Amino acid sequence: MAEDSIDHLLRQSSSIHPPAMALPFELVIDIIDRACAPPSLLDPYLGCGPMSPWAQNLRFQKGLTLVCKSWSEAGKELLYRDVVIRRISQLPLLAHALFKDSTSTLAPMVKKLRLLCYVSSSQHRVLEISLKSVFLMCTRIRHLVFDPVLDASWSSSAQIAPESTFMALQNVPEVRRELITHVELGIPVSLSHAIPELVQFPNLTVLSCELSHLAPAADGVPYTFLQLDDLRITLSYSNPSYVDAAFGNNYQSLISSLRLPALRKVSFIAWADYMLPHYVSFLKNFGNQLLCLVVYGHFHRVSQFEELIQHCPNVEHLVVPHVKDLTTLEHPKVVWLDALGGPPSLCKNHDLMDAYKNLPCLRGVRHLCTSLFQVAVLPSIFPPHLATRLPGSNSQASLLTYPGFAICIRKGLVYRLDLECLDMHCGLDDGGFRHMWNFPEDELVKARGSKVEEGGAGERGDGEGAEEQGSKGEKGEEGEEGESGDDAASSSSEATSSEYEDCEVDGIDEDMTALEDMLDSLQILSKF
């Protein structure tokens, strides 16, 4: 009788609590996605080695596919959603994996494609064919990042370099162009070649591009982007536009050759005072439309910011470097103010909102730590209004922990915690966390120094040979996955995958016939 009663209770409890696999697929994806770091906070360029946040987060995502059957498909969705190509050999492997997928479910999972690989002049054909194939198969790509590192002999050749620009944009089938909303272009891309192609993407809302000269259209009519509301203009030290004369000419070409009726947000890089007049000239044309202005770099005077925002009468969200006397800033409509600064400035008492007497509409002030990657998009990842929901005391904070790093959000502060300062594996509770970060500054620096001395040698050792260790660590996971399709996800998403480590570019070049045959088949199928 007792055993019958126990069996009855077990059956009753199982009927009350449905298994996890009974949850809607979209809800499972949303749940496990919250445990993964936002991709914008992880820099694939710097994510080398098995202990980097990039590698740890990717291993975490791969591990989710092994939990249970219901999580396997959701985990694949996360792995394929943001595909990063960090070596040229990865792109043809991705194309082959998608082409051989018997279920035809992997290619539609790809929503974002980032090309961040080194490309020599001899690899041009491999990149072109593979990219065409991927675009033909991935019918739901929304976000394209094209920022390869070109061989010096290639990038210096005027006859070849423009082809790299066309390759990334012209290879997108016309039927797919209306789906792409985000495009990020790196320094190898010339705006004179890219902008005429980008005009054919009717729903483009976000464009990030390196500054270069934009030649006017043949008919003299400005290039019009009806949906573009976020423009991010970047500038690398290696960019020829960094020179004073070239900088001014290139900005003037943007002003005269672009029409942006929907523009609401602009991001600038301010590295020198000579850039200010050209930014002012740009804002004279587009400033009336802006609701958000992001200026990061090395402007050091409040008067420089005021000279900019006087041409932005409707701006509500302002992001600027933290400078002395920032509290004297004046503007009638600024609602949210973010000040960018390094960790040293965050250790000091930050300015209270009441100190900004000349911002009558101000509702919140935050200090954002520049140690977080992708500073230009950080205010969007953590909207400023979220800070108003935190407790009023600066000693209380919210801690967002992800594999490899953590972000602390206090009232008025958003910054990243280094592992030297806070060992994320020690399992501190909230009380311990607050105690650690309420240390006086001298004690905190002393604690940080002792932590580095104790673990510095080991950490440096992990960094050396990181790719090799990462490959060895991944072989076991891939072996468990078998032929389920997760091998392809690992190959397409992780640069430390053993498949990529063992794949030499010479082997890819020898397989050009197979790549060309695959492309021919895809082009034939796309016509039906």
Protein backbone atom coordinates (compact mmCIF):
# COMPACT_ATOMS: atom_id res chain seq x y z
CA MET A 1 0.00 0.00 0.00
CA ALA A 2 2.79 2.41 0.86
CA GLU A 3 4.45 1.85 -2.52
CA ASP A 4 1.14 2.44 -4.31
CA SER A 5 0.68 5.72 -2.42
CA ILE A 6 4.17 6.88 -3.38
CA ASP A 7 3.59 6.02 -7.04
CA HIS A 8 0.30 7.92 -6.96
CA LEU A 9 1.98 11.00 -5.49
CA LEU A 10 4.76 10.88 -8.08
CA ARG A 11 2.26 10.65 -10.93
CA GLN A 12 0.25 13.51 -9.44
CA SER A 13 3.31 15.75 -9.03
CA SER A 14 4.48 15.06 -12.58
CA SER A 15 1.08 16.10 -13.91
CA ILE A 16 1.22 19.35 -11.93
CA HIS A 17 4.76 20.29 -12.98
CA PRO A 18 5.20 19.87 -16.75
CA PRO A 19 8.67 18.98 -18.01
CA ALA A 20 10.94 21.68 -19.40
CA MET A 21 10.43 20.41 -22.94
CA ALA A 22 6.75 21.37 -22.66
CA LEU A 23 7.74 25.05 -22.70
CA PRO A 24 7.35 26.86 -26.03
CA PHE A 25 10.54 26.76 -28.08
CA GLU A 26 10.75 30.56 -28.25
CA LEU A 27 10.50 30.79 -24.46
CA VAL A 28 13.33 28.28 -23.96
CA ILE A 29 15.54 30.34 -26.28
CA ASP A 30 14.70 33.52 -24.39
CA ILE A 31 15.46 31.92 -21.02
CA ILE A 32 18.88 30.55 -21.91
CA ASP A 33 19.71 33.66 -23.93
CA ARG A 34 19.45 35.72 -20.73
CA ALA A 35 22.28 33.65 -19.25
CA CYS A 36 24.62 34.48 -22.16
CA ALA A 37 26.50 37.76 -22.44
CA PRO A 38 25.19 40.25 -25.02
CA PRO A 39 27.38 39.85 -28.13
CA SER A 40 28.11 43.57 -28.20
CA LEU A 41 29.99 43.26 -24.90
CA LEU A 42 32.35 40.61 -26.26
CA ASP A 43 35.13 41.62 -28.62
CA PRO A 44 36.04 38.73 -30.96
CA TYR A 45 39.26 40.50 -31.92
CA LEU A 46 40.51 40.34 -28.33
CA GLY A 47 38.83 37.08 -27.37
CA CYS A 48 41.89 34.85 -27.71
CA GLY A 49 42.59 31.94 -25.43
CA PRO A 50 40.41 29.49 -23.52
CA MET A 51 39.89 31.84 -20.55
CA SER A 52 38.86 34.92 -22.51
CA PRO A 53 35.24 36.04 -22.04
CA TRP A 54 34.59 35.32 -25.71
CA ALA A 55 35.79 31.71 -25.49
CA GLN A 56 34.14 31.06 -22.13
CA ASN A 57 30.79 32.39 -23.29
CA LEU A 58 30.94 30.26 -26.42
CA ARG A 59 31.79 27.11 -24.44
CA PHE A 60 28.86 27.92 -22.19
CA GLN A 61 26.55 28.12 -25.20
CA LYS A 62 27.87 24.82 -26.55
CA GLY A 63 27.32 23.21 -23.16
CA LEU A 64 23.67 24.22 -23.25
CA THR A 65 23.14 21.97 -26.26
CA LEU A 66 24.18 18.96 -24.15
CA VAL A 67 21.75 19.51 -21.26
CA CYS A 68 18.74 17.79 -22.77
CA LYS A 69 17.00 17.29 -26.09
CA SER A 70 14.71 20.28 -25.68
CA TRP A 71 17.68 22.54 -24.98
CA SER A 72 19.75 21.16 -27.84
CA GLU A 73 17.79 22.92 -30.59
CA ALA A 74 17.61 26.13 -28.57
CA GLY A 75 21.36 25.98 -28.00
CA LYS A 76 21.97 25.55 -31.73
CA GLU A 77 19.83 28.61 -32.35
CA LEU A 78 22.12 30.66 -30.11
CA LEU A 79 25.31 29.24 -31.64
CA TYR A 80 24.28 29.99 -35.20
CA ARG A 81 22.53 33.28 -34.53
CA ASP A 82 25.79 35.26 -34.37
CA VAL A 83 28.48 33.71 -36.60
CA VAL A 84 31.97 35.21 -36.34
CA ILE A 85 34.61 34.41 -38.97
CA ARG A 86 38.04 34.95 -37.41
CA ARG A 87 40.02 32.87 -39.93
CA ILE A 88 39.51 32.59 -43.67
CA SER A 89 39.29 28.80 -43.38
CA GLN A 90 36.13 29.11 -41.30
CA LEU A 91 34.00 30.60 -44.07
CA PRO A 92 34.15 27.68 -46.56
CA LEU A 93 33.69 25.26 -43.68
CA LEU A 94 30.55 27.12 -42.69
CA ALA A 95 29.31 27.05 -46.28
CA HIS A 96 29.91 23.29 -46.56
CA ALA A 97 28.23 22.62 -43.20
CA LEU A 98 25.11 24.54 -44.21
CA PHE A 99 25.04 22.97 -47.68
CA LYS A 100 25.27 19.41 -46.31
CA ASP A 101 22.65 19.96 -43.60
CA SER A 102 19.96 17.43 -44.48
CA THR A 103 17.40 19.13 -42.23
CA SER A 104 17.85 22.56 -43.87
CA THR A 105 17.30 24.13 -40.45
CA LEU A 106 20.77 25.52 -39.74
CA ALA A 107 21.04 28.21 -42.42
CA PRO A 108 17.85 30.06 -41.36
CA MET A 109 19.27 30.30 -37.82
CA VAL A 110 22.05 32.68 -38.94
CA LYS A 111 20.92 36.22 -38.15
CA LYS A 112 24.29 37.98 -37.86
CA LEU A 113 27.48 37.40 -39.85
CA ARG A 114 30.78 39.00 -38.84
CA LEU A 115 33.86 38.74 -41.07
CA LEU A 116 36.87 39.68 -38.94
CA CYS A 117 39.50 37.46 -40.55
CA TYR A 118 42.88 38.09 -42.14
CA VAL A 119 42.67 37.84 -45.93
CA SER A 120 45.67 37.65 -48.24
CA SER A 121 45.48 38.47 -51.93
CA SER A 122 45.68 34.77 -52.82
CA GLN A 123 42.58 34.04 -50.72
CA HIS A 124 40.34 36.50 -52.53
CA ARG A 125 38.59 33.84 -54.60
CA VAL A 126 37.96 31.59 -51.60
CA LEU A 127 36.36 34.47 -49.72
CA GLU A 128 34.23 35.51 -52.67
CA ILE A 129 32.81 32.08 -53.49
CA SER A 130 32.21 31.14 -49.85
CA LEU A 131 30.53 34.45 -49.10
CA LYS A 132 28.22 34.14 -52.09
CA SER A 133 27.26 30.62 -51.01
CA VAL A 134 26.54 31.65 -47.43
CA PHE A 135 24.34 34.55 -48.52
CA LEU A 136 22.36 32.27 -50.84
CA MET A 137 21.67 29.78 -48.04
CA CYS A 138 21.20 32.12 -45.05
CA THR A 139 17.84 33.66 -45.82
CA ARG A 140 17.38 35.52 -42.54
CA ILE A 141 20.59 37.52 -42.09
CA ARG A 142 19.76 40.89 -40.56
CA HIS A 143 23.17 42.10 -39.42
CA LEU A 144 26.37 42.16 -41.50
CA VAL A 145 29.82 43.12 -40.19
CA PHE A 146 32.55 43.32 -42.83
CA ASP A 147 35.88 44.24 -41.24
CA PRO A 148 38.61 41.93 -42.54
CA VAL A 149 42.33 42.55 -42.14
CA LEU A 150 43.70 42.73 -45.66
CA ASP A 151 47.20 41.78 -46.72
CA ALA A 152 49.34 44.88 -47.20
CA SER A 153 50.06 43.96 -50.82
CA TRP A 154 46.32 43.61 -51.42
CA SER A 155 45.05 46.65 -49.57
CA SER A 156 47.63 48.88 -51.27
CA SER A 157 46.52 47.78 -54.73
CA ALA A 158 43.97 50.17 -56.16
CA GLN A 159 42.85 47.56 -58.67
CA ILE A 160 41.98 44.89 -56.12
CA ALA A 161 40.90 46.67 -52.95
CA PRO A 162 37.54 47.94 -54.34
CA GLU A 163 36.56 44.34 -55.11
CA SER A 164 36.57 43.56 -51.39
CA THR A 165 33.91 46.19 -50.87
CA PHE A 166 31.69 44.94 -53.66
CA MET A 167 32.15 41.37 -52.49
CA ALA A 168 30.49 41.97 -49.14
CA LEU A 169 27.56 43.97 -50.49
CA GLN A 170 26.96 42.88 -54.08
CA ASN A 171 26.94 39.23 -53.10
CA VAL A 172 23.78 39.77 -51.08
CA PRO A 173 20.91 38.60 -53.33
CA GLU A 174 18.44 41.33 -54.18
CA VAL A 175 15.59 39.43 -52.54
CA ARG A 176 17.55 39.40 -49.25
CA ARG A 177 18.57 43.06 -49.19
CA GLU A 178 15.32 44.29 -47.75
CA LEU A 179 15.88 42.06 -44.69
CA ILE A 180 19.24 43.56 -43.68
CA THR A 181 18.89 46.34 -41.12
CA HIS A 182 22.40 46.62 -39.62
CA VAL A 183 25.67 47.01 -41.54
CA GLU A 184 29.10 47.63 -40.02
CA LEU A 185 32.01 48.32 -42.36
CA GLY A 186 35.69 48.41 -41.42
CA ILE A 187 38.67 50.31 -42.70
CA PRO A 188 39.20 48.26 -45.91
CA VAL A 189 35.86 49.52 -47.22
CA SER A 190 35.74 52.69 -49.27
CA LEU A 191 32.55 54.69 -48.82
CA SER A 192 32.66 55.72 -52.47
CA HIS A 193 32.16 52.05 -53.34
CA ALA A 194 30.00 51.04 -50.38
CA ILE A 195 27.38 53.81 -50.24
CA PRO A 196 26.03 53.25 -53.80
CA GLU A 197 25.51 49.60 -52.88
CA LEU A 198 24.02 50.33 -49.45
CA VAL A 199 21.35 52.57 -50.98
CA GLN A 200 19.85 49.37 -52.38
CA PHE A 201 19.20 48.11 -48.82
CA PRO A 202 15.83 49.84 -48.27
CA ASN A 203 15.39 48.94 -44.58
CA LEU A 204 18.88 49.81 -43.36
CA THR A 205 18.50 51.41 -39.92
CA VAL A 206 22.04 51.21 -38.46
CA LEU A 207 25.27 51.97 -40.33
CA SER A 208 28.74 51.94 -38.81
CA CYS A 209 31.56 52.92 -41.15
CA GLU A 210 35.13 54.14 -41.20
CA LEU A 211 35.52 57.71 -42.40
CA SER A 212 36.68 58.03 -46.00
CA HIS A 213 35.95 60.21 -48.99
CA LEU A 214 32.47 59.83 -50.48
CA ALA A 215 32.32 60.77 -54.13
CA PRO A 216 29.05 62.41 -55.23
CA ALA A 217 26.58 60.44 -57.30
CA ALA A 218 26.84 60.65 -61.07
CA ASP A 219 23.56 62.56 -61.30
CA GLY A 220 24.53 64.90 -58.47
CA VAL A 221 21.59 63.80 -56.30
CA PRO A 222 22.54 62.95 -52.66
CA TYR A 223 22.34 59.32 -51.62
CA THR A 224 19.14 58.90 -49.60
CA PHE A 225 18.62 56.44 -46.73
CA LEU A 226 14.98 56.71 -45.74
CA GLN A 227 15.13 54.37 -42.70
CA LEU A 228 18.64 55.06 -41.33
CA ASP A 229 18.29 56.37 -37.78
CA ASP A 230 21.68 55.43 -36.26
CA LEU A 231 24.98 56.50 -37.87
CA ARG A 232 28.30 55.54 -36.23
CA ILE A 233 31.37 57.11 -37.80
CA THR A 234 34.58 55.44 -36.67
CA LEU A 235 38.21 56.40 -37.26
CA SER A 236 41.25 54.17 -36.80
CA TYR A 237 44.79 55.44 -36.28
CA SER A 238 45.82 53.66 -39.48
CA ASN A 239 43.08 55.43 -41.43
CA PRO A 240 44.48 58.08 -43.82
CA SER A 241 41.49 60.25 -42.88
CA TYR A 242 43.17 60.85 -39.54
CA VAL A 243 45.30 63.53 -41.25
CA ASP A 244 43.90 67.03 -40.68
CA ALA A 245 43.31 68.01 -44.32
CA ALA A 246 41.89 64.65 -45.35
CA PHE A 247 39.60 64.59 -42.31
CA GLY A 248 37.95 67.88 -43.23
CA ASN A 249 37.52 66.99 -46.90
CA ASN A 250 36.02 63.61 -46.09
CA TYR A 251 33.50 65.03 -43.62
CA GLN A 252 32.44 67.66 -46.12
CA SER A 253 31.88 64.91 -48.69
CA LEU A 254 29.55 63.13 -46.24
CA ILE A 255 27.58 66.30 -45.61
CA SER A 256 27.07 67.09 -49.27
CA SER A 257 26.45 63.53 -50.51
CA LEU A 258 24.06 62.10 -47.91
CA ARG A 259 20.38 62.67 -47.21
CA LEU A 260 19.24 61.11 -43.92
CA PRO A 261 15.65 62.15 -43.10
CA ALA A 262 15.20 59.54 -40.33
CA LEU A 263 18.53 60.11 -38.54
CA ARG A 264 18.10 60.24 -34.75
CA LYS A 265 21.45 59.09 -33.33
CA VAL A 266 25.05 59.92 -34.29
CA SER A 267 28.32 58.64 -32.80
CA PHE A 268 31.64 60.47 -33.27
CA ILE A 269 35.23 59.81 -32.26
CA ALA A 270 36.98 62.95 -31.00
CA TRP A 271 40.75 62.44 -31.01
CA ALA A 272 42.01 65.96 -31.69
CA ASP A 273 40.80 69.54 -31.43
CA TYR A 274 41.01 70.10 -35.19
CA MET A 275 38.08 67.69 -35.60
CA LEU A 276 35.66 69.97 -33.73
CA PRO A 277 34.83 72.43 -36.57
CA HIS A 278 34.03 69.56 -38.92
CA TYR A 279 31.73 67.92 -36.37
CA VAL A 280 30.02 71.27 -35.90
CA SER A 281 29.55 71.54 -39.66
CA PHE A 282 28.03 68.06 -39.75
CA LEU A 283 25.63 68.86 -36.91
CA LYS A 284 24.54 72.08 -38.56
CA ASN A 285 23.06 69.88 -41.27
CA PHE A 286 21.71 66.98 -39.21
CA GLY A 287 21.64 68.19 -35.59
CA ASN A 288 18.01 69.32 -35.59
CA GLN A 289 16.90 65.70 -36.06
CA LEU A 290 19.02 64.11 -33.35
CA LEU A 291 17.69 62.67 -30.11
CA CYS A 292 20.99 61.02 -29.10
CA LEU A 293 24.57 62.23 -29.57
CA VAL A 294 27.59 60.11 -28.62
CA VAL A 295 31.04 61.74 -28.53
CA TYR A 296 33.86 59.58 -27.23
CA GLY A 297 37.56 60.26 -27.36
CA HIS A 298 39.69 63.13 -26.10
CA PHE A 299 37.73 66.36 -26.03
CA HIS A 300 38.68 67.88 -22.68
CA ARG A 301 36.57 71.02 -22.31
CA VAL A 302 32.90 71.53 -21.60
CA SER A 303 32.87 74.40 -24.08
CA GLN A 304 33.62 71.91 -26.86
CA PHE A 305 30.56 69.85 -25.98
CA GLU A 306 28.39 72.95 -25.79
CA GLU A 307 29.58 74.03 -29.21
CA LEU A 308 28.32 70.72 -30.55
CA ILE A 309 24.99 70.45 -28.76
CA GLN A 310 23.94 74.00 -29.55
CA HIS A 311 23.18 72.62 -33.01
CA CYS A 312 21.15 69.76 -31.49
CA PRO A 313 18.18 71.54 -29.91
CA ASN A 314 16.14 68.36 -29.44
CA VAL A 315 18.81 65.99 -28.12
CA GLU A 316 17.65 64.03 -25.06
CA HIS A 317 20.47 61.53 -24.52
CA LEU A 318 24.04 62.85 -24.45
CA VAL A 319 27.14 60.66 -24.10
CA VAL A 320 30.46 62.50 -23.67
CA PRO A 321 33.87 61.93 -22.03
CA HIS A 322 34.02 62.74 -18.33
CA VAL A 323 35.82 66.07 -18.04
CA LYS A 324 36.40 68.63 -15.35
CA ASP A 325 33.47 70.99 -14.70
CA LEU A 326 31.03 68.76 -16.58
CA THR A 327 28.38 69.90 -14.11
CA THR A 328 28.40 73.33 -15.79
CA LEU A 329 27.07 71.88 -19.05
CA GLU A 330 24.00 73.72 -20.36
CA HIS A 331 21.15 72.43 -22.50
CA PRO A 332 17.37 72.88 -22.21
CA LYS A 333 16.27 69.36 -23.20
CA VAL A 334 18.93 66.83 -22.15
CA VAL A 335 17.19 64.10 -20.13
CA TRP A 336 19.95 61.49 -19.79
CA LEU A 337 23.67 62.21 -19.44
CA ASP A 338 26.33 59.50 -19.69
CA ALA A 339 29.96 60.37 -18.92
CA LEU A 340 32.63 58.03 -20.28
CA GLY A 341 35.68 57.45 -18.09
CA GLY A 342 38.32 54.95 -17.12
CA PRO A 343 38.43 52.90 -13.91
CA PRO A 344 40.43 55.57 -11.98
CA SER A 345 37.64 58.11 -12.34
CA LEU A 346 35.09 55.54 -11.18
CA CYS A 347 36.90 55.12 -7.86
CA LYS A 348 36.17 58.71 -7.01
CA ASN A 349 32.85 60.09 -5.87
CA HIS A 350 30.87 60.72 -9.00
CA ASP A 351 28.81 63.84 -9.51
CA LEU A 352 25.29 63.79 -8.15
CA MET A 353 22.43 64.71 -10.44
CA ASP A 354 21.60 67.73 -8.29
CA ALA A 355 24.94 69.27 -9.27
CA TYR A 356 23.78 69.79 -12.86
CA LYS A 357 21.89 73.03 -12.35
CA ASN A 358 21.93 73.98 -16.04
CA LEU A 359 20.14 70.86 -17.27
CA PRO A 360 16.52 71.47 -16.21
CA CYS A 361 15.09 68.30 -17.82
CA LEU A 362 17.77 65.98 -16.48
CA ARG A 363 16.46 62.71 -15.00
CA GLY A 364 19.63 60.66 -14.69
CA VAL A 365 23.43 60.81 -14.79
CA ARG A 366 25.70 57.78 -15.24
CA HIS A 367 29.42 57.17 -15.45
CA LEU A 368 30.21 54.45 -18.01
CA CYS A 369 33.51 52.62 -17.77
CA THR A 370 35.45 52.62 -21.03
CA SER A 371 36.83 49.17 -20.20
CA LEU A 372 33.58 47.80 -21.62
CA PHE A 373 33.95 47.04 -25.31
CA GLN A 374 31.89 48.75 -27.97
CA VAL A 375 31.41 51.94 -25.98
CA ALA A 376 29.26 53.47 -28.71
CA VAL A 377 26.53 50.87 -28.22
CA LEU A 378 26.82 50.54 -24.44
CA PRO A 379 24.10 53.12 -23.69
CA SER A 380 21.72 51.06 -25.82
CA ILE A 381 22.56 47.79 -24.06
CA PHE A 382 21.93 49.34 -20.65
CA PRO A 383 19.32 52.06 -21.24
CA PRO A 384 19.74 54.98 -18.85
CA HIS A 385 16.22 54.75 -17.47
CA LEU A 386 17.12 51.42 -15.83
CA ALA A 387 19.37 53.27 -13.38
CA THR A 388 16.36 55.11 -11.96
CA ARG A 389 14.94 51.78 -10.73
CA LEU A 390 17.97 51.02 -8.54
CA PRO A 391 18.00 51.86 -4.83
CA GLY A 392 19.04 55.37 -3.96
CA SER A 393 22.12 54.36 -2.00
CA ASN A 394 25.33 54.25 -4.04
CA SER A 395 26.54 51.31 -1.94
CA GLN A 396 23.84 49.03 -3.38
CA ALA A 397 24.34 47.56 -6.82
CA SER A 398 23.17 45.03 -9.36
CA LEU A 399 25.75 42.53 -10.54
CA LEU A 400 25.39 40.97 -13.99
CA THR A 401 27.68 37.94 -14.19
CA TYR A 402 28.52 36.23 -17.45
CA PRO A 403 31.12 33.57 -18.25
CA GLY A 404 34.48 35.31 -17.97
CA PHE A 405 33.45 38.74 -16.71
CA ALA A 406 30.92 40.69 -14.70
CA ILE A 407 29.27 44.09 -14.97
CA CYS A 408 28.32 46.15 -11.97
CA ILE A 409 25.43 48.60 -12.24
CA ARG A 410 25.11 51.07 -9.41
CA LYS A 411 22.98 54.13 -9.27
CA GLY A 412 25.03 56.38 -11.53
CA LEU A 413 27.77 53.86 -12.39
CA VAL A 414 28.17 51.10 -14.98
CA TYR A 415 31.53 49.37 -15.02
CA ARG A 416 33.23 46.05 -15.52
CA LEU A 417 34.76 44.05 -12.68
CA ASP A 418 38.17 42.57 -13.42
CA LEU A 419 38.96 39.11 -12.15
CA GLU A 420 42.00 40.55 -10.38
CA CYS A 421 39.68 42.60 -8.19
CA LEU A 422 36.90 40.11 -7.70
CA ASP A 423 37.32 36.38 -8.12
CA MET A 424 34.04 35.36 -9.70
CA HIS A 425 34.60 31.72 -8.73
CA CYS A 426 34.69 32.38 -4.99
CA GLY A 427 30.89 32.59 -4.77
CA LEU A 428 30.56 35.85 -2.86
CA ASP A 429 27.04 36.58 -1.71
CA ASP A 430 25.56 40.06 -2.04
CA GLY A 431 26.90 41.08 1.34
CA GLY A 432 30.40 39.97 0.44
CA PHE A 433 30.16 41.76 -2.88
CA ARG A 434 29.16 45.04 -1.29
CA HIS A 435 31.84 44.67 1.34
CA MET A 436 34.49 44.10 -1.32
CA TRP A 437 33.50 47.15 -3.36
CA ASN A 438 33.06 49.46 -0.38
CA PHE A 439 36.74 49.21 0.53
CA PRO A 440 38.58 52.53 0.66
CA GLU A 441 40.44 53.19 -2.56
CA ASP A 442 43.90 52.54 -1.11
CA GLU A 443 42.82 49.15 0.28
CA LEU A 444 41.17 48.22 -3.01
CA VAL A 445 44.32 49.03 -4.97
CA LYS A 446 46.37 47.07 -2.44
CA ALA A 447 44.03 44.08 -2.77
CA ARG A 448 44.20 44.27 -6.55
CA GLY A 449 48.00 44.33 -6.48
CA SER A 450 48.30 41.32 -4.20
CA LYS A 451 45.85 39.39 -6.36
CA VAL A 452 47.91 40.04 -9.48
CA GLU A 453 51.13 39.04 -7.73
CA GLU A 454 49.63 35.76 -6.55
CA GLY A 455 48.06 34.69 -9.82
CA GLY A 456 49.95 36.70 -12.40
CA ALA A 457 52.29 33.96 -13.53
CA GLY A 458 49.49 31.48 -13.95
CA GLU A 459 47.33 33.94 -15.83
CA ARG A 460 50.16 34.80 -18.19
CA GLY A 461 50.74 31.11 -18.73
CA ASP A 462 47.10 30.63 -19.70
CA GLY A 463 47.44 33.37 -22.27
CA GLU A 464 50.41 31.74 -23.98
CA GLY A 465 49.44 28.91 -26.27
CA ALA A 466 45.81 29.75 -25.69
CA GLU A 467 44.69 28.65 -29.10
CA GLU A 468 46.29 25.22 -28.63
CA GLN A 469 44.71 24.71 -25.22
CA GLY A 470 41.37 25.87 -26.51
CA SER A 471 41.47 23.35 -29.31
CA LYS A 472 42.30 20.48 -26.97
CA GLY A 473 39.52 21.49 -24.65
CA GLU A 474 36.94 21.55 -27.41
CA LYS A 475 37.67 18.14 -28.89
CA GLY A 476 35.97 16.32 -26.06
CA GLU A 477 32.81 18.38 -26.35
CA GLU A 478 32.63 17.93 -30.10
CA GLY A 479 33.12 14.22 -29.70
CA GLU A 480 30.10 14.00 -27.43
CA GLU A 481 27.98 15.93 -29.87
CA GLY A 482 28.59 13.41 -32.64
CA GLU A 483 26.85 14.05 -35.93
CA SER A 484 23.94 16.00 -34.47
CA GLY A 485 24.92 19.19 -36.25
CA ASP A 486 26.53 20.92 -33.30
CA ASP A 487 29.96 20.33 -34.83
CA ALA A 488 28.98 22.73 -37.55
CA ALA A 489 27.80 25.23 -34.98
CA SER A 490 31.12 25.01 -33.19
CA SER A 491 32.98 25.42 -36.46
CA SER A 492 30.99 28.41 -37.59
CA SER A 493 30.97 30.22 -34.27
CA GLU A 494 34.22 29.53 -32.44
CA ALA A 495 37.69 30.44 -33.66
CA THR A 496 39.36 28.02 -31.25
CA SER A 497 37.51 25.02 -32.70
CA SER A 498 39.77 22.06 -33.43
CA GLU A 499 38.33 21.77 -36.92
CA TYR A 500 39.63 25.21 -37.76
CA GLU A 501 42.96 24.62 -36.11
CA ASP A 502 43.53 21.55 -38.32
CA CYS A 503 42.28 23.16 -41.51
CA GLU A 504 45.01 24.88 -43.49
CA VAL A 505 44.28 27.50 -46.11
CA ASP A 506 46.27 25.52 -48.68
CA GLY A 507 43.78 22.70 -48.31
CA ILE A 508 40.93 25.11 -48.86
CA ASP A 509 42.56 26.41 -52.03
CA GLU A 510 42.90 22.87 -53.35
CA ASP A 511 39.18 22.37 -52.84
CA MET A 512 38.18 25.30 -55.04
CA THR A 513 36.43 22.99 -57.50
CA ALA A 514 34.11 21.71 -54.78
CA LEU A 515 33.36 25.28 -53.68
CA GLU A 516 32.58 26.37 -57.22
CA ASP A 517 30.34 23.34 -57.79
CA MET A 518 28.46 24.09 -54.58
CA LEU A 519 27.96 27.71 -55.63
CA ASP A 520 26.69 26.64 -59.07
CA SER A 521 24.16 24.30 -57.43
CA LEU A 522 22.95 27.01 -55.07
CA GLN A 523 22.57 29.54 -57.87
CA ILE A 524 20.50 27.06 -59.87
CA LEU A 525 18.29 26.25 -56.87
CA SER A 526 17.78 29.94 -56.09
CA LYS A 527 16.06 30.42 -59.46
CA PHE A 528 13.24 28.04 -58.55
